[in-house]
Amino acid sequence: MSGKKSAISTEHAPAAIGTYSQAVRVGDWVYLSGQIPLDPATMELIDGDIATQAEQVMRNLQAVAVAAGGSLDDFVKLTVFLLDLNHFQTINEVMAAHFTQPYPARAALGVAALPKGAQLEIEAIMVAPGGDR
């Protein structure tokens, strides 16, 4: 990995709620911070079931990917954090609507709590367009 790191930021995704960047690019790699189902305009959690909340997370990730010059198609790794692992199948269904094969590598973890009381959080790694894939 060579090159300087640079922060990626967009107003179309929730602003950072701590000391982190929405994403950081180093060379061809972009590391996206975890997204929770926040509405970027209000910075409040959206209402709805886990599928609705997962769709918001995907919109937030897509907005950051676009700001980095890419899209969800450029994702190579996802980490999904869930308060309730019983939602695993629903997350699979939402992901199937947003990703095609070859799917990104993925880990899913059950956790005790997430920021702002969210039910899920997803972080990602992407290869920027023009990078090695």
Protein backbone atom coordinates (compact mmCIF):
# COMPACT_ATOMS: atom_id res chain seq x y z
CA MET A 1 0.00 0.00 0.00
CA SER A 2 1.57 3.25 -1.08
CA GLY A 3 0.45 6.84 -1.14
CA LYS A 4 -0.83 9.34 1.33
CA LYS A 5 -4.11 8.93 3.08
CA SER A 6 -6.92 11.36 2.34
CA ALA A 7 -10.32 11.79 3.94
CA ILE A 8 -13.52 11.29 1.94
CA SER A 9 -16.56 13.30 2.96
CA THR A 10 -20.06 13.92 1.64
CA GLU A 11 -23.12 15.72 2.94
CA HIS A 12 -25.24 12.94 1.36
CA ALA A 13 -24.31 10.57 4.19
CA PRO A 14 -24.48 11.17 7.92
CA ALA A 15 -21.72 13.37 9.29
CA ALA A 16 -19.21 11.68 11.57
CA ILE A 17 -20.46 11.60 15.17
CA GLY A 18 -16.96 11.20 16.57
CA THR A 19 -13.29 11.58 15.79
CA TYR A 20 -13.28 9.70 12.49
CA SER A 21 -13.72 10.27 8.75
CA GLN A 22 -16.64 8.95 6.70
CA ALA A 23 -13.95 7.17 4.67
CA VAL A 24 -10.21 7.24 4.12
CA ARG A 25 -8.47 6.55 0.82
CA VAL A 26 -4.95 5.15 0.64
CA GLY A 27 -3.81 4.36 -2.90
CA ASP A 28 -6.54 2.32 -4.60
CA TRP A 29 -8.15 1.29 -1.30
CA VAL A 30 -11.01 3.11 0.40
CA TYR A 31 -11.95 2.22 3.99
CA LEU A 32 -15.52 3.26 4.81
CA SER A 33 -16.46 3.87 8.42
CA GLY A 34 -19.45 2.02 9.79
CA GLN A 35 -22.82 3.42 8.82
CA ILE A 36 -25.92 3.16 10.96
CA PRO A 37 -29.47 3.93 9.74
CA LEU A 38 -29.25 7.67 10.21
CA ASP A 39 -31.03 10.13 7.96
CA PRO A 40 -28.23 12.44 6.76
CA ALA A 41 -30.54 15.47 6.82
CA THR A 42 -31.70 15.08 10.41
CA MET A 43 -28.92 12.89 11.89
CA GLU A 44 -31.72 10.87 13.55
CA LEU A 45 -32.27 7.12 13.33
CA ILE A 46 -34.97 6.29 10.81
CA ASP A 47 -38.11 4.44 11.87
CA GLY A 48 -38.94 1.04 10.49
CA ASP A 49 -38.09 -2.63 10.64
CA ILE A 50 -34.62 -4.06 10.18
CA ALA A 51 -35.02 -4.26 6.38
CA THR A 52 -35.97 -0.58 6.18
CA GLN A 53 -33.03 0.33 8.41
CA ALA A 54 -30.64 -1.83 6.35
CA GLU A 55 -31.81 -0.04 3.18
CA GLN A 56 -30.89 3.30 4.81
CA VAL A 57 -27.46 1.93 5.72
CA MET A 58 -26.97 0.89 2.07
CA ARG A 59 -27.97 4.39 0.89
CA ASN A 60 -25.46 5.90 3.32
CA LEU A 61 -22.69 3.54 2.18
CA GLN A 62 -23.52 4.25 -1.47
CA ALA A 63 -23.28 8.01 -0.86
CA VAL A 64 -19.81 7.64 0.66
CA ALA A 65 -18.74 5.29 -2.15
CA VAL A 66 -19.88 7.85 -4.74
CA ALA A 67 -17.93 10.57 -2.92
CA ALA A 68 -14.88 8.29 -3.27
CA GLY A 69 -15.53 7.96 -7.01
CA GLY A 70 -17.13 4.53 -6.92
CA SER A 71 -20.25 2.60 -5.99
CA LEU A 72 -21.39 -0.45 -4.05
CA ASP A 73 -20.07 -2.51 -6.99
CA ASP A 74 -16.55 -1.61 -5.86
CA PHE A 75 -16.94 -3.10 -2.37
CA VAL A 76 -14.69 -6.05 -1.60
CA LYS A 77 -15.33 -6.53 2.14
CA LEU A 78 -18.19 -5.79 4.52
CA THR A 79 -18.45 -6.14 8.26
CA VAL A 80 -22.02 -6.26 9.57
CA PHE A 81 -22.71 -5.61 13.24
CA LEU A 82 -26.15 -6.69 14.50
CA LEU A 83 -27.82 -6.39 17.88
CA ASP A 84 -29.88 -9.46 16.99
CA LEU A 85 -28.32 -12.20 14.83
CA ASN A 86 -31.85 -13.42 14.11
CA HIS A 87 -31.89 -10.60 11.50
CA PHE A 88 -29.09 -12.31 9.54
CA GLN A 89 -31.46 -13.62 6.82
CA THR A 90 -33.06 -10.19 6.37
CA ILE A 91 -29.60 -8.66 5.91
CA ASN A 92 -28.87 -11.33 3.27
CA GLU A 93 -32.05 -10.36 1.42
CA VAL A 94 -31.21 -6.64 1.49
CA MET A 95 -27.66 -7.34 0.34
CA ALA A 96 -28.95 -9.51 -2.53
CA ALA A 97 -30.86 -6.46 -3.79
CA HIS A 98 -27.70 -4.32 -3.81
CA PHE A 99 -24.83 -6.65 -4.76
CA THR A 100 -24.13 -9.07 -7.59
CA GLN A 101 -21.66 -11.92 -7.82
CA PRO A 102 -18.91 -12.01 -6.99
CA TYR A 103 -20.30 -10.74 -3.70
CA PRO A 104 -18.04 -8.86 -1.29
CA ALA A 105 -16.40 -10.92 1.43
CA ARG A 106 -18.31 -10.43 4.67
CA ALA A 107 -18.31 -11.00 8.39
CA ALA A 108 -21.41 -10.69 10.57
CA LEU A 109 -21.08 -10.13 14.29
CA GLY A 110 -23.58 -10.01 17.12
CA VAL A 111 -22.88 -7.07 19.42
CA ALA A 112 -24.30 -5.76 22.70
CA ALA A 113 -24.83 -2.15 21.63
CA LEU A 114 -24.30 0.28 18.74
CA PRO A 115 -24.13 4.10 18.53
CA LYS A 116 -27.40 5.98 19.05
CA GLY A 117 -29.20 2.72 19.85
CA ALA A 118 -29.01 1.49 16.23
CA GLN A 119 -29.96 -2.11 15.41
CA LEU A 120 -27.21 -2.53 12.83
CA GLU A 121 -24.01 -1.01 11.51
CA ILE A 122 -22.08 -1.89 8.36
CA GLU A 123 -18.51 -0.90 7.47
CA ALA A 124 -16.84 -1.57 4.14
CA ILE A 125 -13.63 -1.70 2.18
CA MET A 126 -13.67 -0.86 -1.50
CA VAL A 127 -11.20 -0.78 -4.37
CA ALA A 128 -11.44 2.59 -6.06
CA PRO A 129 -12.32 2.52 -9.76
CA GLY A 130 -9.20 1.98 -11.81
CA GLY A 131 -7.56 0.06 -8.96
CA ASP A 132 -6.72 -3.63 -8.94
CA ARG A 133 -9.71 -5.98 -8.71
